[in-house]
Amino acid sequence: MRNNNFNNYTLKDEEVLKIIKDFRDEIKKNSIILGKYNEDCEQEIILKIYKSLTRNRNNKKI
């Protein structure tokens, strides 16, 4: 069975944004392509993290 302690699908947007902020240096470091910083890559990483942490979240419909 896969250990899913990190993502219990109940994280609020504020919590996800805090995680992204806490890992900002790692994200920037991994956004370097061919020795050059790539802002588009950074945004793509952030988007993937956000989507991954909010996937299957129960959203209230109005």
PDB file of N, CA and C in Angstrom:
ATOM      1  N   MET A   1       0.831  -1.179   0.000  1.00  0.00           N
ATOM      2  CA  MET A   1       0.000   0.000   0.000  1.00  0.00           C
ATOM      3  C   MET A   1       0.882   1.252   0.000  1.00  0.00           C
ATOM      4  N   ARG A   2       0.492   2.225  -0.758  1.00  0.00           N
ATOM      5  CA  ARG A   2       1.264   3.455  -0.889  1.00  0.00           C
ATOM      6  C   ARG A   2       1.059   4.344   0.330  1.00  0.00           C
ATOM      7  N   ASN A   3       2.156   4.833   0.899  1.00  0.00           N
ATOM      8  CA  ASN A   3       2.091   5.730   2.044  1.00  0.00           C
ATOM      9  C   ASN A   3       1.743   7.126   1.555  1.00  0.00           C
ATOM     10  N   ASN A   4       0.607   7.637   1.987  1.00  0.00           N
ATOM     11  CA  ASN A   4       0.123   8.917   1.497  1.00  0.00           C
ATOM     12  C   ASN A   4      -0.053   9.898   2.653  1.00  0.00           C
ATOM     13  N   ASN A   5       0.903   9.922   3.578  1.00  0.00           N
ATOM     14  CA  ASN A   5       0.804  10.796   4.744  1.00  0.00           C
ATOM     15  C   ASN A   5       0.844  12.275   4.378  1.00  0.00           C
ATOM     16  N   PHE A   6       1.599  12.620   3.331  1.00  0.00           N
ATOM     17  CA  PHE A   6       1.782  14.028   3.001  1.00  0.00           C
ATOM     18  C   PHE A   6       0.520  14.642   2.416  1.00  0.00           C
ATOM     19  N   ASN A   7      -0.194  13.876   1.607  1.00  0.00           N
ATOM     20  CA  ASN A   7      -1.373  14.424   0.950  1.00  0.00           C
ATOM     21  C   ASN A   7      -2.618  13.689   1.409  1.00  0.00           C
ATOM     22  N   ASN A   8      -3.330  14.296   2.323  1.00  0.00           N
ATOM     23  CA  ASN A   8      -4.579  13.699   2.787  1.00  0.00           C
ATOM     24  C   ASN A   8      -5.777  14.339   2.095  1.00  0.00           C
ATOM     25  N   TYR A   9      -5.526  15.171   1.097  1.00  0.00           N
ATOM     26  CA  TYR A   9      -6.555  15.811   0.270  1.00  0.00           C
ATOM     27  C   TYR A   9      -7.458  16.747   1.063  1.00  0.00           C
ATOM     28  N   THR A  10      -7.020  17.198   2.204  1.00  0.00           N
ATOM     29  CA  THR A  10      -7.796  18.162   2.966  1.00  0.00           C
ATOM     30  C   THR A  10      -7.019  19.468   3.145  1.00  0.00           C
ATOM     31  N   LEU A  11      -5.952  19.626   2.409  1.00  0.00           N
ATOM     32  CA  LEU A  11      -5.162  20.850   2.517  1.00  0.00           C
ATOM     33  C   LEU A  11      -5.931  22.019   1.921  1.00  0.00           C
ATOM     34  N   LYS A  12      -5.922  23.124   2.625  1.00  0.00           N
ATOM     35  CA  LYS A  12      -6.547  24.342   2.128  1.00  0.00           C
ATOM     36  C   LYS A  12      -5.555  25.054   1.215  1.00  0.00           C
ATOM     37  N   ASP A  13      -6.054  25.991   0.425  1.00  0.00           N
ATOM     38  CA  ASP A  13      -5.185  26.738  -0.482  1.00  0.00           C
ATOM     39  C   ASP A  13      -4.039  27.408   0.262  1.00  0.00           C
ATOM     40  N   GLU A  14      -4.332  27.960   1.415  1.00  0.00           N
ATOM     41  CA  GLU A  14      -3.286  28.645   2.200  1.00  0.00           C
ATOM     42  C   GLU A  14      -2.179  27.671   2.590  1.00  0.00           C
ATOM     43  N   GLU A  15      -2.546  26.448   2.940  1.00  0.00           N
ATOM     44  CA  GLU A  15      -1.557  25.441   3.329  1.00  0.00           C
ATOM     45  C   GLU A  15      -0.711  25.014   2.133  1.00  0.00           C
ATOM     46  N   VAL A  16      -1.336  24.865   0.994  1.00  0.00           N
ATOM     47  CA  VAL A  16      -0.602  24.493  -0.214  1.00  0.00           C
ATOM     48  C   VAL A  16       0.371  25.614  -0.594  1.00  0.00           C
ATOM     49  N   LEU A  17      -0.088  26.857  -0.517  1.00  0.00           N
ATOM     50  CA  LEU A  17       0.783  27.981  -0.845  1.00  0.00           C
ATOM     51  C   LEU A  17       1.948  28.099   0.133  1.00  0.00           C
ATOM     52  N   LYS A  18       1.728  27.749   1.388  1.00  0.00           N
ATOM     53  CA  LYS A  18       2.826  27.745   2.368  1.00  0.00           C
ATOM     54  C   LYS A  18       3.865  26.681   2.010  1.00  0.00           C
ATOM     55  N   ILE A  19       3.398  25.524   1.591  1.00  0.00           N
ATOM     56  CA  ILE A  19       4.322  24.459   1.171  1.00  0.00           C
ATOM     57  C   ILE A  19       5.155  24.936  -0.012  1.00  0.00           C
ATOM     58  N   ILE A  20       4.494  25.553  -0.989  1.00  0.00           N
ATOM     59  CA  ILE A  20       5.209  26.063  -2.156  1.00  0.00           C
ATOM     60  C   ILE A  20       6.222  27.124  -1.730  1.00  0.00           C
ATOM     61  N   LYS A  21       5.828  28.012  -0.823  1.00  0.00           N
ATOM     62  CA  LYS A  21       6.740  29.052  -0.332  1.00  0.00           C
ATOM     63  C   LYS A  21       7.927  28.429   0.397  1.00  0.00           C
ATOM     64  N   ASP A  22       7.659  27.415   1.230  1.00  0.00           N
ATOM     65  CA  ASP A  22       8.729  26.758   1.985  1.00  0.00           C
ATOM     66  C   ASP A  22       9.749  26.071   1.074  1.00  0.00           C
ATOM     67  N   PHE A  23       9.303  25.611  -0.074  1.00  0.00           N
ATOM     68  CA  PHE A  23      10.179  24.893  -1.002  1.00  0.00           C
ATOM     69  C   PHE A  23      10.606  25.760  -2.182  1.00  0.00           C
ATOM     70  N   ARG A  24      10.457  27.075  -2.058  1.00  0.00           N
ATOM     71  CA  ARG A  24      10.762  28.006  -3.144  1.00  0.00           C
ATOM     72  C   ARG A  24      12.205  27.870  -3.629  1.00  0.00           C
ATOM     73  N   ASP A  25      13.155  27.735  -2.711  1.00  0.00           N
ATOM     74  CA  ASP A  25      14.564  27.605  -3.107  1.00  0.00           C
ATOM     75  C   ASP A  25      14.799  26.332  -3.915  1.00  0.00           C
ATOM     76  N   GLU A  26      14.188  25.237  -3.488  1.00  0.00           N
ATOM     77  CA  GLU A  26      14.324  23.971  -4.219  1.00  0.00           C
ATOM     78  C   GLU A  26      13.689  24.065  -5.599  1.00  0.00           C
ATOM     79  N   ILE A  27      12.554  24.729  -5.666  1.00  0.00           N
ATOM     80  CA  ILE A  27      11.868  24.900  -6.950  1.00  0.00           C
ATOM     81  C   ILE A  27      12.743  25.712  -7.900  1.00  0.00           C
ATOM     82  N   LYS A  28      13.314  26.809  -7.393  1.00  0.00           N
ATOM     83  CA  LYS A  28      14.182  27.643  -8.229  1.00  0.00           C
ATOM     84  C   LYS A  28      15.413  26.858  -8.683  1.00  0.00           C
ATOM     85  N   LYS A  29      15.989  26.089  -7.776  1.00  0.00           N
ATOM     86  CA  LYS A  29      17.174  25.305  -8.120  1.00  0.00           C
ATOM     87  C   LYS A  29      16.862  24.286  -9.215  1.00  0.00           C
ATOM     88  N   ASN A  30      15.670  23.740  -9.186  1.00  0.00           N
ATOM     89  CA  ASN A  30      15.279  22.750 -10.188  1.00  0.00           C
ATOM     90  C   ASN A  30      14.678  23.379 -11.442  1.00  0.00           C
ATOM     91  N   SER A  31      14.678  24.710 -11.513  1.00  0.00           N
ATOM     92  CA  SER A  31      14.176  25.421 -12.684  1.00  0.00           C
ATOM     93  C   SER A  31      15.321  25.906 -13.574  1.00  0.00           C
ATOM     94  N   ILE A  32      16.487  25.380 -13.355  1.00  0.00           N
ATOM     95  CA  ILE A  32      17.644  25.752 -14.161  1.00  0.00           C
ATOM     96  C   ILE A  32      17.809  24.717 -15.268  1.00  0.00           C
ATOM     97  N   ILE A  33      17.754  25.209 -16.488  1.00  0.00           N
ATOM     98  CA  ILE A  33      17.883  24.348 -17.660  1.00  0.00           C
ATOM     99  C   ILE A  33      19.101  24.810 -18.450  1.00  0.00           C
ATOM    100  N   LEU A  34      20.000  23.890 -18.709  1.00  0.00           N
ATOM    101  CA  LEU A  34      21.244  24.194 -19.427  1.00  0.00           C
ATOM    102  C   LEU A  34      21.996  25.358 -18.782  1.00  0.00           C
ATOM    103  N   GLY A  35      21.995  25.372 -17.452  1.00  0.00           N
ATOM    104  CA  GLY A  35      22.740  26.376 -16.699  1.00  0.00           C
ATOM    105  C   GLY A  35      22.079  27.730 -16.612  1.00  0.00           C
ATOM    106  N   LYS A  36      20.834  27.843 -17.059  1.00  0.00           N
ATOM    107  CA  LYS A  36      20.148  29.132 -17.080  1.00  0.00           C
ATOM    108  C   LYS A  36      18.787  28.997 -16.414  1.00  0.00           C
ATOM    109  N   TYR A  37      18.453  29.969 -15.558  1.00  0.00           N
ATOM    110  CA  TYR A  37      17.166  29.976 -14.864  1.00  0.00           C
ATOM    111  C   TYR A  37      16.038  30.141 -15.872  1.00  0.00           C
ATOM    112  N   ASN A  38      14.986  29.310 -15.716  1.00  0.00           N
ATOM    113  CA  ASN A  38      13.849  29.348 -16.628  1.00  0.00           C
ATOM    114  C   ASN A  38      12.581  29.593 -15.820  1.00  0.00           C
ATOM    115  N   GLU A  39      12.017  30.791 -15.939  1.00  0.00           N
ATOM    116  CA  GLU A  39      10.828  31.166 -15.181  1.00  0.00           C
ATOM    117  C   GLU A  39       9.614  30.306 -15.552  1.00  0.00           C
ATOM    118  N   ASP A  40       9.496  29.963 -16.817  1.00  0.00           N
ATOM    119  CA  ASP A  40       8.383  29.114 -17.253  1.00  0.00           C
ATOM    120  C   ASP A  40       8.442  27.744 -16.588  1.00  0.00           C
ATOM    121  N   CYS A  41       9.639  27.213 -16.450  1.00  0.00           N
ATOM    122  CA  CYS A  41       9.823  25.927 -15.783  1.00  0.00           C
ATOM    123  C   CYS A  41       9.423  26.035 -14.315  1.00  0.00           C
ATOM    124  N   GLU A  42       9.806  27.136 -13.676  1.00  0.00           N
ATOM    125  CA  GLU A  42       9.434  27.344 -12.272  1.00  0.00           C
ATOM    126  C   GLU A  42       7.914  27.366 -12.122  1.00  0.00           C
ATOM    127  N   GLN A  43       7.248  28.099 -12.995  1.00  0.00           N
ATOM    128  CA  GLN A  43       5.786  28.172 -12.931  1.00  0.00           C
ATOM    129  C   GLN A  43       5.145  26.806 -13.174  1.00  0.00           C
ATOM    130  N   GLU A  44       5.707  26.034 -14.077  1.00  0.00           N
ATOM    131  CA  GLU A  44       5.186  24.696 -14.366  1.00  0.00           C
ATOM    132  C   GLU A  44       5.338  23.780 -13.144  1.00  0.00           C
ATOM    133  N   ILE A  45       6.471  23.868 -12.460  1.00  0.00           N
ATOM    134  CA  ILE A  45       6.692  23.073 -11.250  1.00  0.00           C
ATOM    135  C   ILE A  45       5.676  23.461 -10.177  1.00  0.00           C
ATOM    136  N   ILE A  46       5.485  24.767  -9.968  1.00  0.00           N
ATOM    137  CA  ILE A  46       4.534  25.242  -8.965  1.00  0.00           C
ATOM    138  C   ILE A  46       3.125  24.761  -9.293  1.00  0.00           C
ATOM    139  N   LEU A  47       2.747  24.840 -10.551  1.00  0.00           N
ATOM    140  CA  LEU A  47       1.418  24.399 -10.973  1.00  0.00           C
ATOM    141  C   LEU A  47       1.236  22.906 -10.736  1.00  0.00           C
ATOM    142  N   LYS A  48       2.247  22.116 -11.053  1.00  0.00           N
ATOM    143  CA  LYS A  48       2.172  20.661 -10.829  1.00  0.00           C
ATOM    144  C   LYS A  48       2.042  20.342  -9.337  1.00  0.00           C
ATOM    145  N   ILE A  49       2.796  21.056  -8.508  1.00  0.00           N
ATOM    146  CA  ILE A  49       2.706  20.844  -7.058  1.00  0.00           C
ATOM    147  C   ILE A  49       1.299  21.179  -6.578  1.00  0.00           C
ATOM    148  N   TYR A  50       0.793  22.324  -6.998  1.00  0.00           N
ATOM    149  CA  TYR A  50      -0.546  22.743  -6.571  1.00  0.00           C
ATOM    150  C   TYR A  50      -1.602  21.729  -7.009  1.00  0.00           C
ATOM    151  N   LYS A  51      -1.555  21.332  -8.268  1.00  0.00           N
ATOM    152  CA  LYS A  51      -2.542  20.362  -8.770  1.00  0.00           C
ATOM    153  C   LYS A  51      -2.436  19.035  -8.038  1.00  0.00           C
ATOM    154  N   SER A  52      -1.221  18.622  -7.761  1.00  0.00           N
ATOM    155  CA  SER A  52      -1.019  17.349  -7.077  1.00  0.00           C
ATOM    156  C   SER A  52      -1.557  17.381  -5.649  1.00  0.00           C
ATOM    157  N   LEU A  53      -1.322  18.480  -4.947  1.00  0.00           N
ATOM    158  CA  LEU A  53      -1.755  18.572  -3.553  1.00  0.00           C
ATOM    159  C   LEU A  53      -3.239  18.861  -3.397  1.00  0.00           C
ATOM    160  N   THR A  54      -3.884  19.344  -4.445  1.00  0.00           N
ATOM    161  CA  THR A  54      -5.318  19.634  -4.355  1.00  0.00           C
ATOM    162  C   THR A  54      -6.161  18.632  -5.141  1.00  0.00           C
ATOM    163  N   ARG A  55      -5.545  17.655  -5.739  1.00  0.00           N
ATOM    164  CA  ARG A  55      -6.261  16.641  -6.510  1.00  0.00           C
ATOM    165  C   ARG A  55      -7.223  15.876  -5.601  1.00  0.00           C
ATOM    166  N   ASN A  56      -8.374  15.616  -6.109  1.00  0.00           N
ATOM    167  CA  ASN A  56      -9.416  14.858  -5.395  1.00  0.00           C
ATOM    168  C   ASN A  56      -9.917  15.543  -4.142  1.00  0.00           C
ATOM    169  N   ARG A  57      -9.647  16.810  -4.037  1.00  0.00           N
ATOM    170  CA  ARG A  57     -10.139  17.548  -2.875  1.00  0.00           C
ATOM    171  C   ARG A  57     -11.650  17.723  -3.039  1.00  0.00           C
ATOM    172  N   ASN A  58     -12.352  17.576  -1.958  1.00  0.00           N
ATOM    173  CA  ASN A  58     -13.797  17.768  -2.005  1.00  0.00           C
ATOM    174  C   ASN A  58     -14.105  19.254  -2.059  1.00  0.00           C
ATOM    175  N   ASN A  59     -14.604  19.690  -3.191  1.00  0.00           N
ATOM    176  CA  ASN A  59     -14.955  21.101  -3.364  1.00  0.00           C
ATOM    177  C   ASN A  59     -16.455  21.268  -3.141  1.00  0.00           C
ATOM    178  N   LYS A  60     -16.787  22.278  -2.399  1.00  0.00           N
ATOM    179  CA  LYS A  60     -18.203  22.567  -2.166  1.00  0.00           C
ATOM    180  C   LYS A  60     -18.769  23.268  -3.385  1.00  0.00           C
ATOM    181  N   LYS A  61     -19.884  22.795  -3.855  1.00  0.00           N
ATOM    182  CA  LYS A  61     -20.552  23.440  -4.979  1.00  0.00           C
ATOM    183  C   LYS A  61     -21.662  24.315  -4.458  1.00  0.00           C
ATOM    184  N   ILE A  62     -21.756  25.492  -5.028  1.00  0.00           N
ATOM    185  CA  ILE A  62     -22.761  26.450  -4.578  1.00  0.00           C
ATOM    186  C   ILE A  62     -24.038  26.235  -5.353  1.00  0.00           C
TER     187      ILE A  62
END
